[in-house]
């Protein structure tokens, strides 16, 4: 099993890149777009045309597989758009890491092709307002095709010493949220890269997204909601799979086990015995996972500004 990555884009993925031969025209804001494609949308041309009308600094379109579309035609039709096709199995986090590394705006708006993408999906004055405080991640309100609000505020709680994430669709502007829904959000590009990006060894989308967000909070960044920025799903909203598996174990070791002591994060050795009792792995694999997490935390120990206990206890003070 791969060790925890320590730097941004540590995993180099074989890929084909098409387009991007021309600079974007009519740029109106210092924001790029990363578009995650599912391969099922029938409105690709219209989506890209609408995004081009917004005035983004750059647009990166990420394909799920090499067989998704006849991408060469798209690359010719839209020379300012960068189309990237991975040539190996990847996670959504891998794709976003690639997209953000290929972007050039101060902020990057991560979208999915399952969203309705009108020509004015993000106006320049709204983008300026959302990014003026330099927040790490701004999460939009999300609604279903039937205009029903989705739960986009996530709150960490401890129940009998176990983490529970509570969701709510009742939000106010600037309210803190633990993580973005389905990865969708406006990310500060430089801060994203300094945080290390998404961990490709966590393959579950739910735990991978939660891991990145939790790390941001533990390392001193904030994730906030905006009621002025709203996006709508054009198709059925995906259901997140939150089954406890290897991904959950790695999330647990990286985010819930470390303790903040004096001025740094550390993993107490005594935590191994608690982890060993709850781990479904064999003894040697459990020991290897724990040792890997200890090395990762030690390497990043001065990046920690709090631990999970402090985050949960002080959640009401976050904004």
Protein backbone atom coordinates (compact mmCIF):
# COMPACT_ATOMS: atom_id res chain seq x y z
CA UNK A 1 0.00 0.00 0.00
CA UNK A 2 1.28 3.50 -0.86
CA UNK A 3 2.62 5.71 1.91
CA UNK A 4 0.95 9.01 2.77
CA UNK A 5 2.06 11.72 0.30
CA UNK A 6 4.00 14.58 1.87
CA UNK A 7 3.99 17.14 -0.94
CA UNK A 8 1.50 18.41 -3.49
CA UNK A 9 1.13 16.23 -6.59
CA UNK A 10 3.64 13.71 -5.26
CA UNK A 11 2.01 11.07 -7.45
CA UNK A 12 2.79 11.65 -11.12
CA UNK A 13 -0.06 10.33 -13.26
CA UNK A 14 0.35 9.34 -16.90
CA UNK A 15 -1.97 11.51 -18.94
CA UNK A 16 -2.69 13.01 -22.32
CA UNK A 17 -3.10 16.78 -22.60
CA UNK A 18 -4.91 18.41 -25.51
CA UNK A 19 -5.76 22.03 -26.22
CA UNK A 20 -4.59 24.95 -24.15
CA UNK A 21 -2.63 26.27 -27.12
CA UNK A 22 -4.16 29.74 -26.82
CA UNK A 23 -4.57 32.09 -23.86
CA UNK A 24 -8.08 32.78 -22.63
CA UNK A 25 -9.67 35.88 -24.12
CA UNK A 26 -11.88 38.37 -22.33
CA UNK A 27 -10.51 37.53 -18.87
CA UNK A 28 -12.58 39.32 -16.20
CA UNK A 29 -11.48 37.69 -12.93
CA UNK A 30 -8.47 36.01 -11.36
CA UNK A 31 -10.32 32.70 -11.14
CA UNK A 32 -9.77 29.47 -13.07
CA UNK A 33 -12.18 26.57 -13.52
CA UNK A 34 -11.55 22.85 -13.05
CA UNK A 35 -14.41 20.86 -14.58
CA UNK A 36 -14.80 17.23 -13.50
CA UNK A 37 -16.59 15.26 -16.18
CA UNK A 38 -18.60 12.13 -15.49
CA UNK A 39 -18.80 11.09 -19.11
CA UNK A 40 -22.60 11.14 -19.10
CA UNK A 41 -23.45 14.76 -19.92
CA UNK A 42 -24.94 15.52 -23.33
CA UNK A 43 -24.31 19.26 -23.05
CA UNK A 44 -20.52 19.38 -23.18
CA UNK A 45 -20.23 21.96 -25.97
CA UNK A 46 -22.81 24.26 -24.39
CA UNK A 47 -21.15 23.93 -20.96
CA UNK A 48 -17.75 24.92 -22.27
CA UNK A 49 -19.16 27.76 -24.34
CA UNK A 50 -20.95 29.12 -21.26
CA UNK A 51 -17.78 28.88 -19.15
CA UNK A 52 -15.80 30.72 -21.83
CA UNK A 53 -18.31 33.59 -21.70
CA UNK A 54 -17.69 34.14 -17.97
CA UNK A 55 -14.16 35.52 -18.30
CA UNK A 56 -12.21 32.93 -16.29
CA UNK A 57 -8.41 33.05 -16.36
CA UNK A 58 -8.23 29.45 -17.57
CA UNK A 59 -10.40 26.36 -17.93
CA UNK A 60 -9.20 22.79 -17.36
CA UNK A 61 -11.54 19.95 -18.33
CA UNK A 62 -10.75 16.58 -16.75
CA UNK A 63 -12.02 13.37 -18.30
CA UNK A 64 -12.73 10.18 -16.30
CA UNK A 65 -11.25 7.75 -18.86
CA UNK A 66 -9.54 7.90 -22.27
CA UNK A 67 -12.73 6.50 -23.86
CA UNK A 68 -14.98 9.29 -22.55
CA UNK A 69 -15.26 11.43 -25.68
CA UNK A 70 -13.60 12.27 -28.94
CA UNK A 71 -11.50 14.82 -27.07
CA UNK A 72 -9.36 15.75 -30.08
CA UNK A 73 -12.37 17.46 -31.66
CA UNK A 74 -12.99 19.43 -28.46
CA UNK A 75 -9.33 20.45 -28.28
CA UNK A 76 -9.54 21.82 -31.82
CA UNK A 77 -12.87 23.57 -31.27
CA UNK A 78 -11.81 25.17 -27.94
CA UNK A 79 -8.04 25.89 -28.20
CA UNK A 80 -7.94 27.93 -24.96
CA UNK A 81 -9.36 25.04 -22.91
CA UNK A 82 -6.96 22.42 -21.57
CA UNK A 83 -8.38 18.88 -21.83
CA UNK A 84 -6.65 16.28 -19.66
CA UNK A 85 -7.20 12.54 -19.95
CA UNK A 86 -5.63 10.25 -17.32
CA UNK A 87 -4.17 7.03 -18.69
CA UNK A 88 -4.49 5.13 -15.43
CA UNK A 89 -7.06 4.65 -12.68
CA UNK A 90 -7.43 7.84 -10.63
CA UNK A 91 -9.56 9.29 -7.85
CA UNK A 92 -11.53 12.53 -8.01
CA UNK A 93 -8.89 14.04 -5.75
CA UNK A 94 -6.16 13.07 -8.24
CA UNK A 95 -8.08 14.84 -10.99
CA UNK A 96 -8.53 18.00 -8.91
CA UNK A 97 -4.84 17.99 -7.97
CA UNK A 98 -3.94 17.80 -11.67
CA UNK A 99 -6.46 20.49 -12.58
CA UNK A 100 -5.25 22.90 -9.93
CA UNK A 101 -1.60 22.33 -10.90
CA UNK A 102 -2.54 23.19 -14.51
CA UNK A 103 -4.56 26.29 -13.55
CA UNK A 104 -3.20 29.81 -13.24
CA UNK A 105 -5.80 31.85 -11.34
CA UNK A 106 -5.45 32.90 -7.71
CA UNK A 107 -8.62 30.90 -7.04
CA UNK A 108 -9.90 27.76 -8.72
CA UNK A 109 -13.59 26.93 -9.00
CA UNK A 110 -14.12 23.16 -8.95
CA UNK A 111 -17.29 22.17 -10.82
CA UNK A 112 -18.91 18.96 -12.04
CA UNK A 113 -20.68 18.41 -15.33
CA UNK A 114 -23.72 17.24 -13.37
CA UNK A 115 -24.30 20.88 -12.40
CA UNK A 116 -26.29 23.34 -14.48
CA UNK A 117 -23.69 25.71 -15.92
CA UNK A 118 -25.21 28.96 -17.25
CA UNK A 119 -23.12 31.73 -18.91
CA UNK A 120 -23.12 33.76 -15.66
CA UNK A 121 -22.29 30.95 -13.24
CA UNK A 122 -19.86 33.30 -11.45
CA UNK A 123 -19.89 37.05 -12.07
CA UNK A 124 -16.68 39.12 -11.65
CA UNK A 125 -18.10 41.33 -8.87
CA UNK A 126 -19.25 38.27 -6.90
CA UNK A 127 -15.87 36.58 -7.40
CA UNK A 128 -14.12 39.68 -6.05
CA UNK A 129 -16.44 39.75 -3.03
CA UNK A 130 -16.00 36.04 -2.28
CA UNK A 131 -12.21 36.13 -2.46
CA UNK A 132 -11.43 39.46 -0.81
CA UNK A 133 -10.59 37.86 2.56
CA UNK A 134 -8.25 35.25 1.08
CA UNK A 135 -10.18 32.29 2.53
CA UNK A 136 -8.91 28.82 1.69
CA UNK A 137 -12.27 27.51 0.43
CA UNK A 138 -15.66 29.11 -0.20
CA UNK A 139 -18.56 26.67 -0.52
CA UNK A 140 -21.66 27.65 -2.53
CA UNK A 141 -25.24 26.86 -1.70
CA UNK A 142 -26.41 23.86 -3.71
CA UNK A 143 -29.92 22.99 -4.81
CA UNK A 144 -31.48 19.98 -6.52
CA UNK A 145 -33.09 20.13 -10.00
CA UNK A 146 -36.36 20.61 -8.06
CA UNK A 147 -34.89 23.73 -6.37
CA UNK A 148 -34.64 22.06 -2.96
CA UNK A 149 -31.73 23.13 -0.77
CA UNK A 150 -29.08 20.51 -0.15
CA UNK A 151 -27.31 20.13 3.21
CA UNK A 152 -24.03 21.98 2.61
CA UNK A 153 -23.11 22.82 6.18
CA UNK A 154 -21.22 20.03 7.93
CA UNK A 155 -20.52 20.17 11.66
CA UNK A 156 -18.09 17.91 13.55
CA UNK A 157 -19.37 16.46 16.81
CA UNK A 158 -18.00 13.90 19.26
CA UNK A 159 -20.46 11.24 20.40
CA UNK A 160 -19.01 8.76 22.92
CA UNK A 161 -15.51 9.79 21.79
CA UNK A 162 -16.32 9.09 18.14
CA UNK A 163 -16.52 11.63 15.32
CA UNK A 164 -19.95 12.29 13.87
CA UNK A 165 -20.48 14.73 11.01
CA UNK A 166 -23.86 16.45 11.21
CA UNK A 167 -25.31 18.05 8.06
CA UNK A 168 -27.70 20.96 7.69
CA UNK A 169 -29.32 22.81 4.79
CA UNK A 170 -30.00 25.88 6.94
CA UNK A 171 -27.09 28.23 6.32
CA UNK A 172 -26.12 31.87 6.73
CA UNK A 173 -23.47 33.83 4.86
CA UNK A 174 -19.93 33.25 6.11
CA UNK A 175 -20.93 30.28 8.27
CA UNK A 176 -18.18 27.71 8.82
CA UNK A 177 -18.52 24.24 7.34
CA UNK A 178 -16.24 21.28 7.90
CA UNK A 179 -15.97 20.37 4.21
CA UNK A 180 -17.39 21.16 0.76
CA UNK A 181 -20.13 18.95 -0.62
CA UNK A 182 -18.93 16.59 -3.39
CA UNK A 183 -15.63 18.56 -3.66
CA UNK A 184 -17.49 21.55 -5.16
CA UNK A 185 -16.07 24.89 -4.09
CA UNK A 186 -13.88 27.91 -4.78
CA UNK A 187 -10.34 27.05 -3.63
CA UNK A 188 -7.38 29.34 -3.00
CA UNK A 189 -4.84 27.75 -5.35
CA UNK A 190 -1.65 28.48 -3.40
CA UNK A 191 -3.14 27.45 -0.06
CA UNK A 192 -4.49 24.26 -1.62
CA UNK A 193 -1.03 23.31 -2.84
CA UNK A 194 0.62 24.20 0.49
CA UNK A 195 -1.86 21.89 2.22
CA UNK A 196 -0.63 19.07 0.00
CA UNK A 197 -3.77 18.54 -2.06
CA UNK A 198 -5.96 15.47 -1.89
CA UNK A 199 -4.41 12.25 -0.59
CA UNK A 200 -4.48 9.74 -3.44
CA UNK A 201 -4.00 6.81 -1.03
CA UNK A 202 -7.49 7.53 0.34
CA UNK A 203 -9.62 6.19 -2.50
CA UNK A 204 -13.12 6.69 -1.03
CA UNK A 205 -14.45 10.06 -2.29
CA UNK A 206 -16.16 10.78 1.04
CA UNK A 207 -13.10 10.13 3.22
CA UNK A 208 -10.71 11.74 0.74
CA UNK A 209 -12.75 14.95 0.70
CA UNK A 210 -13.12 14.91 4.49
CA UNK A 211 -9.40 14.25 4.98
CA UNK A 212 -8.36 17.29 2.94
CA UNK A 213 -10.91 19.54 4.65
CA UNK A 214 -10.08 18.32 8.16
CA UNK A 215 -6.38 18.86 7.47
CA UNK A 216 -7.11 22.42 6.37
CA UNK A 217 -8.87 23.17 9.66
CA UNK A 218 -6.16 21.49 11.76
CA UNK A 219 -3.47 23.45 9.92
CA UNK A 220 -5.14 26.81 10.49
CA UNK A 221 -7.25 27.38 7.37
CA UNK A 222 -11.00 27.96 7.16
CA UNK A 223 -13.85 26.77 4.96
CA UNK A 224 -16.89 29.03 4.79
CA UNK A 225 -20.29 29.07 3.11
CA UNK A 226 -21.63 31.75 0.84
CA UNK A 227 -25.34 32.38 0.46
CA UNK A 228 -24.66 34.78 -2.43
CA UNK A 229 -23.17 32.01 -4.55
CA UNK A 230 -25.61 29.26 -5.54
CA UNK A 231 -25.26 26.33 -7.93
CA UNK A 232 -27.91 23.93 -9.15
CA UNK A 233 -27.65 20.27 -10.05
CA UNK A 234 -28.97 19.45 -13.49
CA UNK A 235 -29.16 15.74 -12.70
CA UNK A 236 -29.84 13.51 -9.73
CA UNK A 237 -27.67 14.39 -6.74
CA UNK A 238 -25.12 11.64 -6.00
CA UNK A 239 -25.32 9.72 -2.75
CA UNK A 240 -22.09 9.62 -0.77
CA UNK A 241 -20.75 6.25 0.38
CA UNK A 242 -19.50 6.60 3.96
CA UNK A 243 -18.74 2.96 4.72
CA UNK A 244 -15.81 2.49 7.09
CA UNK A 245 -12.91 0.89 5.18
CA UNK A 246 -9.17 1.37 4.68
CA UNK A 247 -9.79 4.98 3.65
CA UNK A 248 -11.51 5.64 6.97
CA UNK A 249 -8.56 4.13 8.85
CA UNK A 250 -6.11 6.44 7.12
CA UNK A 251 -8.37 9.44 7.75
CA UNK A 252 -8.58 8.47 11.42
CA UNK A 253 -4.80 8.19 11.81
CA UNK A 254 -4.05 11.49 10.06
CA UNK A 255 -6.75 13.63 11.59
CA UNK A 256 -8.25 12.19 14.78
CA UNK A 257 -5.23 10.54 16.43
CA UNK A 258 -2.74 13.49 16.41
CA UNK A 259 -2.66 15.70 19.51
CA UNK A 260 -1.56 19.32 19.63
CA UNK A 261 1.16 19.67 22.27
CA UNK A 262 2.77 23.04 23.08
CA UNK A 263 3.47 24.24 19.52
CA UNK A 264 3.18 21.16 17.33
CA UNK A 265 1.20 18.07 16.40
CA UNK A 266 2.25 14.61 17.54
CA UNK A 267 0.88 11.08 17.81
CA UNK A 268 1.19 9.58 21.30
CA UNK A 269 2.58 6.06 21.16
CA UNK A 270 -0.18 4.95 23.50
CA UNK A 271 -2.64 5.59 20.65
CA UNK A 272 -1.33 2.49 18.90
CA UNK A 273 -3.05 0.11 21.31
CA UNK A 274 -6.43 1.81 20.87
CA UNK A 275 -5.98 1.77 17.11
CA UNK A 276 -4.91 -1.88 17.12
CA UNK A 277 -8.05 -2.90 19.00
CA UNK A 278 -10.35 -1.17 16.53
CA UNK A 279 -8.41 -1.92 13.33
CA UNK A 280 -9.69 -4.70 11.08
CA UNK A 281 -6.20 -5.23 9.67
CA UNK A 282 -3.70 -7.80 10.87
CA UNK A 283 -1.07 -6.85 13.44
CA UNK A 284 1.77 -6.17 10.97
CA UNK A 285 -0.42 -4.10 8.64
CA UNK A 286 -1.80 -2.19 11.63
CA UNK A 287 1.73 -1.46 12.82
CA UNK A 288 2.78 -0.34 9.34
CA UNK A 289 -0.20 2.01 8.97
CA UNK A 290 0.42 3.52 12.39
CA UNK A 291 4.16 4.00 11.72
CA UNK A 292 3.38 5.66 8.37
CA UNK A 293 0.99 8.09 10.06
CA UNK A 294 3.56 8.86 12.78
CA UNK A 295 6.17 9.73 10.15
CA UNK A 296 3.72 11.93 8.25
CA UNK A 297 2.60 13.81 11.36
CA UNK A 298 6.19 14.28 12.54
CA UNK A 299 7.19 15.68 9.15
CA UNK A 300 4.29 18.17 9.28
CA UNK A 301 4.17 18.68 13.06
CA UNK A 302 4.68 22.45 12.96
CA UNK A 303 1.86 22.86 10.44
CA UNK A 304 -0.69 21.84 13.10
CA UNK A 305 -2.46 24.71 14.87
CA UNK A 306 -4.96 22.54 16.75
CA UNK A 307 -6.15 18.96 17.03
CA UNK A 308 -9.52 17.31 16.45
CA UNK A 309 -10.61 17.69 20.07
CA UNK A 310 -9.88 21.44 20.00
CA UNK A 311 -11.62 21.84 16.64
CA UNK A 312 -14.80 20.15 17.83
CA UNK A 313 -14.88 21.88 21.22
CA UNK A 314 -14.40 25.32 19.63
CA UNK A 315 -16.52 24.78 16.53
CA UNK A 316 -19.13 27.38 17.54
CA UNK A 317 -16.37 30.02 17.56
CA UNK A 318 -15.27 29.25 13.98
CA UNK A 319 -16.03 31.71 11.22
